[in-house]
Amino acid sequence: VKYCSNLKNLTSSRPSPQFKFVKGDIGSVDLVNYLLILEKMDTIMHFAAQTHVDNSFGNSFEFTKNNMYGTHVLLEACKVTGQISRFIHVGTNKFYVETEKDAIEGNHESCQLLAKNPYPATNVGDEMLVMTYGRSYELP
């Protein structure tokens, strides 16, 4: 749980029997693999990320560790356990080059990527990892 997260956002999910909150490090390979297997997960919704452009200038290593390495750990766990049927990666559009057409229709995954500071650069890395694991290992 970091400065950019709030446990109150989970309040509506807590009553669900499918809900379980585990405080841990997304970069812990052993913990992530253990939880996927123990909880028999078939879906990952990946929202975890350090955010805020200004903070990324002074702490770019932390952004890379949490954003890119954390995403890589999740993807590798999906590959190793072989049990994930859906991997939903939530990111930002702040690194896409926006054309006039994109401004009207919205960005899509085939748009050109251009990060202008450390925070979106980690998002570009995330996107590339997710797309590469999808193609290379046929992850969903």
N, C-alpha and C. Protein backbone atom coordinates (compact mmCIF):
# COMPACT_ATOMS: atom_id res chain seq x y z
N VAL A 1 0.86 -1.16 0.00
CA VAL A 1 0.00 0.00 0.00
C VAL A 1 0.91 1.23 0.00
N LYS A 2 0.75 2.04 -0.99
CA LYS A 2 1.61 3.21 -1.19
C LYS A 2 0.80 4.49 -1.04
N TYR A 3 1.49 5.63 -1.19
CA TYR A 3 0.86 6.94 -1.08
C TYR A 3 -0.29 7.12 -2.07
N CYS A 4 -0.24 6.42 -3.19
CA CYS A 4 -1.23 6.62 -4.25
C CYS A 4 -2.40 5.64 -4.15
N SER A 5 -2.48 4.89 -3.06
CA SER A 5 -3.58 3.94 -2.91
C SER A 5 -4.37 4.27 -1.65
N ASN A 6 -5.57 3.73 -1.58
CA ASN A 6 -6.43 3.98 -0.44
C ASN A 6 -7.26 2.73 -0.18
N LEU A 7 -7.09 2.13 0.98
CA LEU A 7 -7.82 0.91 1.32
C LEU A 7 -9.33 1.13 1.35
N LYS A 8 -9.78 2.36 1.54
CA LYS A 8 -11.22 2.65 1.53
C LYS A 8 -11.84 2.31 0.17
N ASN A 9 -11.04 2.32 -0.88
CA ASN A 9 -11.56 1.99 -2.21
C ASN A 9 -12.00 0.53 -2.30
N LEU A 10 -11.60 -0.29 -1.35
CA LEU A 10 -11.96 -1.71 -1.35
C LEU A 10 -13.20 -2.01 -0.52
N THR A 11 -13.75 -1.01 0.13
CA THR A 11 -14.86 -1.20 1.07
C THR A 11 -16.02 -1.98 0.46
N SER A 12 -16.43 -1.65 -0.74
CA SER A 12 -17.59 -2.32 -1.34
C SER A 12 -17.29 -3.78 -1.72
N SER A 13 -16.03 -4.13 -1.88
CA SER A 13 -15.66 -5.50 -2.25
C SER A 13 -15.49 -6.42 -1.04
N ARG A 14 -15.22 -5.85 0.10
CA ARG A 14 -14.91 -6.66 1.29
C ARG A 14 -15.97 -7.69 1.67
N PRO A 15 -17.27 -7.41 1.53
CA PRO A 15 -18.27 -8.42 1.91
C PRO A 15 -18.27 -9.67 1.03
N SER A 16 -17.70 -9.60 -0.14
CA SER A 16 -17.71 -10.73 -1.07
C SER A 16 -16.87 -11.88 -0.53
N PRO A 17 -17.38 -13.11 -0.62
CA PRO A 17 -16.59 -14.27 -0.18
C PRO A 17 -15.36 -14.49 -1.08
N GLN A 18 -15.36 -13.88 -2.25
CA GLN A 18 -14.22 -14.01 -3.15
C GLN A 18 -13.13 -12.98 -2.86
N PHE A 19 -13.40 -12.04 -1.96
CA PHE A 19 -12.45 -10.98 -1.65
C PHE A 19 -11.47 -11.43 -0.58
N LYS A 20 -10.21 -11.15 -0.82
CA LYS A 20 -9.18 -11.35 0.20
C LYS A 20 -8.11 -10.31 -0.04
N PHE A 21 -7.78 -9.54 0.99
CA PHE A 21 -6.73 -8.55 0.87
C PHE A 21 -5.45 -9.12 1.46
N VAL A 22 -4.40 -9.10 0.67
CA VAL A 22 -3.09 -9.55 1.12
C VAL A 22 -2.12 -8.40 0.95
N LYS A 23 -1.55 -7.95 2.04
CA LYS A 23 -0.54 -6.89 1.96
C LYS A 23 0.79 -7.55 1.66
N GLY A 24 1.35 -7.24 0.51
CA GLY A 24 2.60 -7.84 0.10
C GLY A 24 3.26 -7.02 -0.98
N ASP A 25 4.35 -7.51 -1.49
CA ASP A 25 5.13 -6.82 -2.51
C ASP A 25 4.88 -7.48 -3.86
N ILE A 26 4.40 -6.72 -4.83
CA ILE A 26 4.14 -7.25 -6.16
C ILE A 26 5.43 -7.77 -6.80
N GLY A 27 6.56 -7.33 -6.29
CA GLY A 27 7.85 -7.78 -6.80
C GLY A 27 8.35 -9.07 -6.17
N SER A 28 7.58 -9.64 -5.27
CA SER A 28 7.98 -10.89 -4.62
C SER A 28 7.49 -12.08 -5.46
N VAL A 29 8.41 -12.67 -6.18
CA VAL A 29 8.07 -13.80 -7.07
C VAL A 29 7.43 -14.92 -6.28
N ASP A 30 8.03 -15.28 -5.15
CA ASP A 30 7.50 -16.39 -4.35
C ASP A 30 6.09 -16.11 -3.84
N LEU A 31 5.86 -14.90 -3.34
CA LEU A 31 4.53 -14.55 -2.82
C LEU A 31 3.48 -14.58 -3.93
N VAL A 32 3.79 -13.99 -5.07
CA VAL A 32 2.83 -13.94 -6.17
C VAL A 32 2.50 -15.35 -6.67
N ASN A 33 3.50 -16.18 -6.88
CA ASN A 33 3.26 -17.57 -7.31
C ASN A 33 2.44 -18.33 -6.27
N TYR A 34 2.81 -18.17 -5.00
CA TYR A 34 2.11 -18.85 -3.90
C TYR A 34 0.63 -18.45 -3.89
N LEU A 35 0.35 -17.16 -3.99
CA LEU A 35 -1.04 -16.70 -3.94
C LEU A 35 -1.85 -17.18 -5.14
N LEU A 36 -1.26 -17.16 -6.32
CA LEU A 36 -1.97 -17.64 -7.50
C LEU A 36 -2.38 -19.10 -7.33
N ILE A 37 -1.46 -19.90 -6.83
CA ILE A 37 -1.73 -21.33 -6.66
C ILE A 37 -2.68 -21.56 -5.49
N LEU A 38 -2.40 -20.95 -4.33
CA LEU A 38 -3.21 -21.15 -3.13
C LEU A 38 -4.66 -20.74 -3.36
N GLU A 39 -4.86 -19.60 -3.97
CA GLU A 39 -6.21 -19.06 -4.16
C GLU A 39 -6.87 -19.55 -5.45
N LYS A 40 -6.16 -20.38 -6.21
CA LYS A 40 -6.69 -20.94 -7.46
C LYS A 40 -7.24 -19.83 -8.38
N MET A 41 -6.46 -18.78 -8.52
CA MET A 41 -6.89 -17.64 -9.34
C MET A 41 -6.91 -18.01 -10.82
N ASP A 42 -7.91 -17.46 -11.51
CA ASP A 42 -7.95 -17.64 -12.96
C ASP A 42 -7.96 -16.29 -13.68
N THR A 43 -8.07 -15.21 -12.91
CA THR A 43 -8.11 -13.87 -13.48
C THR A 43 -7.22 -12.93 -12.68
N ILE A 44 -6.46 -12.11 -13.39
CA ILE A 44 -5.68 -11.06 -12.74
C ILE A 44 -6.13 -9.73 -13.34
N MET A 45 -6.50 -8.81 -12.46
CA MET A 45 -6.75 -7.42 -12.85
C MET A 45 -5.62 -6.61 -12.25
N HIS A 46 -4.71 -6.17 -13.10
CA HIS A 46 -3.48 -5.53 -12.65
C HIS A 46 -3.61 -4.01 -12.71
N PHE A 47 -3.83 -3.41 -11.54
CA PHE A 47 -3.90 -1.96 -11.39
C PHE A 47 -2.66 -1.41 -10.69
N ALA A 48 -1.85 -2.27 -10.13
CA ALA A 48 -0.75 -1.84 -9.25
C ALA A 48 0.27 -1.01 -10.00
N ALA A 49 0.52 0.19 -9.50
CA ALA A 49 1.53 1.05 -10.12
C ALA A 49 1.82 2.25 -9.23
N GLN A 50 3.06 2.69 -9.29
CA GLN A 50 3.41 3.99 -8.74
C GLN A 50 2.93 5.01 -9.77
N THR A 51 2.38 6.10 -9.31
CA THR A 51 1.87 7.12 -10.22
C THR A 51 2.46 8.49 -9.88
N HIS A 52 2.02 9.48 -10.54
CA HIS A 52 2.40 10.88 -10.34
C HIS A 52 3.72 11.21 -11.02
N VAL A 53 3.61 11.98 -12.07
CA VAL A 53 4.76 12.35 -12.89
C VAL A 53 5.85 13.02 -12.06
N ASP A 54 5.48 13.99 -11.23
CA ASP A 54 6.49 14.72 -10.45
C ASP A 54 7.32 13.78 -9.58
N ASN A 55 6.68 12.82 -8.95
CA ASN A 55 7.40 11.87 -8.09
C ASN A 55 8.35 10.99 -8.89
N SER A 56 8.04 10.75 -10.14
CA SER A 56 8.89 9.87 -10.95
C SER A 56 10.25 10.49 -11.26
N PHE A 57 10.35 11.79 -11.24
CA PHE A 57 11.63 12.44 -11.51
C PHE A 57 12.62 12.20 -10.38
N GLY A 58 12.15 12.21 -9.15
CA GLY A 58 13.04 12.04 -8.01
C GLY A 58 13.21 10.62 -7.55
N ASN A 59 12.39 9.72 -8.07
CA ASN A 59 12.39 8.34 -7.57
C ASN A 59 12.17 7.36 -8.72
N SER A 60 12.89 7.53 -9.80
CA SER A 60 12.64 6.73 -11.00
C SER A 60 12.92 5.24 -10.78
N PHE A 61 13.89 4.90 -9.93
CA PHE A 61 14.16 3.48 -9.66
C PHE A 61 12.96 2.80 -9.02
N GLU A 62 12.32 3.48 -8.08
CA GLU A 62 11.14 2.92 -7.41
C GLU A 62 10.00 2.73 -8.42
N PHE A 63 9.84 3.66 -9.34
CA PHE A 63 8.81 3.54 -10.36
C PHE A 63 9.09 2.33 -11.26
N THR A 64 10.34 2.18 -11.67
CA THR A 64 10.70 1.05 -12.52
C THR A 64 10.49 -0.27 -11.78
N LYS A 65 10.89 -0.32 -10.52
CA LYS A 65 10.75 -1.55 -9.73
C LYS A 65 9.28 -1.92 -9.59
N ASN A 66 8.47 -0.99 -9.15
CA ASN A 66 7.06 -1.30 -8.91
C ASN A 66 6.27 -1.49 -10.19
N ASN A 67 6.47 -0.64 -11.16
CA ASN A 67 5.65 -0.69 -12.36
C ASN A 67 6.10 -1.77 -13.34
N MET A 68 7.34 -1.72 -13.76
CA MET A 68 7.80 -2.68 -14.77
C MET A 68 8.12 -4.05 -14.16
N TYR A 69 8.90 -4.07 -13.10
CA TYR A 69 9.28 -5.35 -12.51
C TYR A 69 8.04 -6.05 -11.93
N GLY A 70 7.17 -5.29 -11.28
CA GLY A 70 5.94 -5.88 -10.73
C GLY A 70 5.08 -6.50 -11.81
N THR A 71 4.95 -5.83 -12.93
CA THR A 71 4.19 -6.38 -14.06
C THR A 71 4.87 -7.64 -14.58
N HIS A 72 6.19 -7.61 -14.67
CA HIS A 72 6.93 -8.78 -15.16
C HIS A 72 6.73 -9.97 -14.23
N VAL A 73 6.75 -9.74 -12.92
CA VAL A 73 6.52 -10.82 -11.96
C VAL A 73 5.14 -11.43 -12.17
N LEU A 74 4.11 -10.60 -12.33
CA LEU A 74 2.76 -11.13 -12.55
C LEU A 74 2.68 -11.94 -13.84
N LEU A 75 3.26 -11.42 -14.91
CA LEU A 75 3.21 -12.13 -16.19
C LEU A 75 3.95 -13.46 -16.12
N GLU A 76 5.10 -13.46 -15.49
CA GLU A 76 5.87 -14.70 -15.37
C GLU A 76 5.12 -15.72 -14.51
N ALA A 77 4.45 -15.25 -13.46
CA ALA A 77 3.65 -16.14 -12.62
C ALA A 77 2.50 -16.75 -13.43
N CYS A 78 1.90 -15.96 -14.31
CA CYS A 78 0.84 -16.48 -15.18
C CYS A 78 1.39 -17.58 -16.07
N LYS A 79 2.57 -17.34 -16.63
CA LYS A 79 3.19 -18.33 -17.51
C LYS A 79 3.53 -19.60 -16.74
N VAL A 80 4.14 -19.45 -15.57
CA VAL A 80 4.62 -20.59 -14.79
C VAL A 80 3.46 -21.43 -14.25
N THR A 81 2.43 -20.78 -13.72
CA THR A 81 1.32 -21.54 -13.13
C THR A 81 0.38 -22.09 -14.19
N GLY A 82 0.28 -21.42 -15.32
CA GLY A 82 -0.57 -21.90 -16.41
C GLY A 82 -2.05 -21.92 -16.11
N GLN A 83 -2.49 -21.19 -15.11
CA GLN A 83 -3.89 -21.27 -14.70
C GLN A 83 -4.69 -19.99 -14.96
N ILE A 84 -4.06 -18.95 -15.46
CA ILE A 84 -4.75 -17.68 -15.67
C ILE A 84 -5.44 -17.68 -17.04
N SER A 85 -6.75 -17.44 -17.01
CA SER A 85 -7.50 -17.39 -18.27
C SER A 85 -7.75 -15.95 -18.72
N ARG A 86 -7.56 -14.99 -17.80
CA ARG A 86 -7.73 -13.57 -18.15
C ARG A 86 -6.70 -12.73 -17.41
N PHE A 87 -5.97 -11.92 -18.15
CA PHE A 87 -5.03 -10.96 -17.56
C PHE A 87 -5.45 -9.59 -18.05
N ILE A 88 -5.95 -8.79 -17.14
CA ILE A 88 -6.45 -7.46 -17.49
C ILE A 88 -5.46 -6.44 -16.93
N HIS A 89 -4.79 -5.75 -17.83
CA HIS A 89 -3.78 -4.76 -17.43
C HIS A 89 -4.37 -3.37 -17.61
N VAL A 90 -4.43 -2.63 -16.52
CA VAL A 90 -4.98 -1.28 -16.55
C VAL A 90 -3.81 -0.30 -16.56
N GLY A 91 -3.77 0.54 -17.56
CA GLY A 91 -2.67 1.49 -17.69
C GLY A 91 -3.19 2.90 -17.93
N THR A 92 -2.41 3.65 -18.64
CA THR A 92 -2.74 5.04 -18.95
C THR A 92 -2.53 5.29 -20.44
N ASN A 93 -3.13 6.34 -20.92
CA ASN A 93 -2.92 6.71 -22.33
C ASN A 93 -1.90 7.85 -22.44
N LYS A 94 -1.23 8.19 -21.37
CA LYS A 94 -0.35 9.36 -21.33
C LYS A 94 0.94 9.20 -22.13
N PHE A 95 1.18 8.04 -22.70
CA PHE A 95 2.41 7.84 -23.45
C PHE A 95 2.16 7.64 -24.94
N TYR A 96 0.92 7.75 -25.38
CA TYR A 96 0.62 7.62 -26.80
C TYR A 96 0.78 8.96 -27.51
N VAL A 97 1.33 8.92 -28.71
CA VAL A 97 1.34 10.10 -29.56
C VAL A 97 -0.07 10.23 -30.12
N GLU A 98 -0.71 11.35 -29.87
CA GLU A 98 -2.10 11.50 -30.27
C GLU A 98 -2.22 12.29 -31.57
N THR A 99 -2.81 11.67 -32.56
CA THR A 99 -3.08 12.34 -33.83
C THR A 99 -4.47 12.97 -33.75
N GLU A 100 -4.83 13.73 -34.77
CA GLU A 100 -6.17 14.31 -34.80
C GLU A 100 -7.23 13.22 -34.78
N LYS A 101 -6.99 12.14 -35.52
CA LYS A 101 -7.93 11.02 -35.56
C LYS A 101 -8.06 10.38 -34.17
N ASP A 102 -6.92 10.20 -33.48
CA ASP A 102 -6.95 9.62 -32.14
C ASP A 102 -7.72 10.50 -31.16
N ALA A 103 -7.61 11.82 -31.33
CA ALA A 103 -8.32 12.75 -30.46
C ALA A 103 -9.82 12.55 -30.56
N ILE A 104 -10.29 12.14 -31.73
CA ILE A 104 -11.72 11.91 -31.95
C ILE A 104 -12.11 10.49 -31.56
N GLU A 105 -11.34 9.51 -32.01
CA GLU A 105 -11.68 8.10 -31.83
C GLU A 105 -11.10 7.49 -30.56
N GLY A 106 -10.09 8.10 -29.99
CA GLY A 106 -9.42 7.54 -28.83
C GLY A 106 -8.18 6.77 -29.24
N ASN A 107 -7.32 6.54 -28.27
CA ASN A 107 -6.08 5.81 -28.52
C ASN A 107 -6.35 4.32 -28.60
N HIS A 108 -5.48 3.61 -29.28
CA HIS A 108 -5.56 2.16 -29.34
C HIS A 108 -4.16 1.60 -29.25
N GLU A 109 -4.03 0.31 -29.05
CA GLU A 109 -2.74 -0.31 -28.77
C GLU A 109 -1.74 -0.23 -29.92
N SER A 110 -2.19 0.09 -31.11
CA SER A 110 -1.25 0.20 -32.23
C SER A 110 -0.75 1.63 -32.44
N CYS A 111 -1.17 2.56 -31.58
CA CYS A 111 -0.69 3.94 -31.68
C CYS A 111 0.79 3.99 -31.34
N GLN A 112 1.46 5.01 -31.85
CA GLN A 112 2.88 5.20 -31.55
C GLN A 112 3.04 5.57 -30.08
N LEU A 113 4.08 5.01 -29.44
CA LEU A 113 4.35 5.28 -28.03
C LEU A 113 5.45 6.31 -27.91
N LEU A 114 5.28 7.26 -26.99
CA LEU A 114 6.30 8.28 -26.76
C LEU A 114 6.19 8.77 -25.33
N ALA A 115 7.08 8.30 -24.48
CA ALA A 115 7.10 8.74 -23.09
C ALA A 115 7.96 10.00 -22.97
N LYS A 116 7.48 10.95 -22.20
CA LYS A 116 8.20 12.22 -22.05
C LYS A 116 8.84 12.37 -20.68
N ASN A 117 8.64 11.41 -19.78
CA ASN A 117 9.25 11.46 -18.46
C ASN A 117 9.27 10.05 -17.88
N PRO A 118 9.89 9.83 -16.72
CA PRO A 118 10.06 8.47 -16.20
C PRO A 118 8.76 7.71 -15.94
N TYR A 119 7.71 8.37 -15.45
CA TYR A 119 6.47 7.65 -15.15
C TYR A 119 5.87 6.98 -16.39
N PRO A 120 5.58 7.72 -17.45
CA PRO A 120 5.02 7.02 -18.62
C PRO A 120 6.00 6.07 -19.28
N ALA A 121 7.30 6.29 -19.08
CA ALA A 121 8.28 5.34 -19.64
C ALA A 121 8.09 3.97 -19.01
N THR A 122 7.78 3.93 -17.71
CA THR A 122 7.52 2.63 -17.08
C THR A 122 6.22 2.03 -17.60
N ASN A 123 5.26 2.88 -17.95
CA ASN A 123 4.01 2.38 -18.54
C ASN A 123 4.24 1.80 -19.93
N VAL A 124 5.12 2.43 -20.70
CA VAL A 124 5.47 1.90 -22.02
C VAL A 124 6.10 0.52 -21.84
N GLY A 125 7.01 0.40 -20.87
CA GLY A 125 7.62 -0.90 -20.59
C GLY A 125 6.59 -1.94 -20.22
N ASP A 126 5.63 -1.55 -19.37
CA ASP A 126 4.54 -2.45 -18.99
C ASP A 126 3.79 -2.94 -20.21
N GLU A 127 3.39 -2.00 -21.05
CA GLU A 127 2.62 -2.34 -22.25
C GLU A 127 3.39 -3.33 -23.13
N MET A 128 4.67 -3.07 -23.31
CA MET A 128 5.49 -3.95 -24.14
C MET A 128 5.59 -5.35 -23.52
N LEU A 129 5.77 -5.42 -22.21
CA LEU A 129 5.83 -6.73 -21.54
C LEU A 129 4.51 -7.49 -21.71
N VAL A 130 3.40 -6.81 -21.47
CA VAL A 130 2.09 -7.47 -21.57
C VAL A 130 1.85 -7.97 -22.99
N MET A 131 2.13 -7.13 -23.99
CA MET A 131 1.92 -7.55 -25.38
C MET A 131 2.87 -8.68 -25.77
N THR A 132 4.12 -8.60 -25.31
CA THR A 132 5.10 -9.64 -25.64
C THR A 132 4.73 -10.97 -25.02
N TYR A 133 4.31 -10.98 -23.75
CA TYR A 133 3.91 -12.24 -23.12
C TYR A 133 2.66 -12.79 -23.79
N GLY A 134 1.78 -11.91 -24.22
CA GLY A 134 0.59 -12.37 -24.95
C GLY A 134 0.96 -13.08 -26.23
N ARG A 135 1.90 -12.50 -26.98
CA ARG A 135 2.31 -13.11 -28.25
C ARG A 135 3.23 -14.31 -28.04
N SER A 136 4.23 -14.17 -27.20
CA SER A 136 5.24 -15.22 -27.05
C SER A 136 4.74 -16.46 -26.32
N TYR A 137 3.91 -16.24 -25.30
CA TYR A 137 3.46 -17.36 -24.47
C TYR A 137 1.96 -17.60 -24.56
N GLU A 138 1.31 -16.87 -25.46
CA GLU A 138 -0.13 -16.98 -25.65
C GLU A 138 -0.90 -16.77 -24.36
N LEU A 139 -0.44 -15.82 -23.55
CA LEU A 139 -1.17 -15.49 -22.34
C LEU A 139 -2.40 -14.67 -22.71
N PRO A 140 -3.49 -14.89 -22.00
CA PRO A 140 -4.73 -14.19 -22.34
C PRO A 140 -4.69 -12.71 -21.98
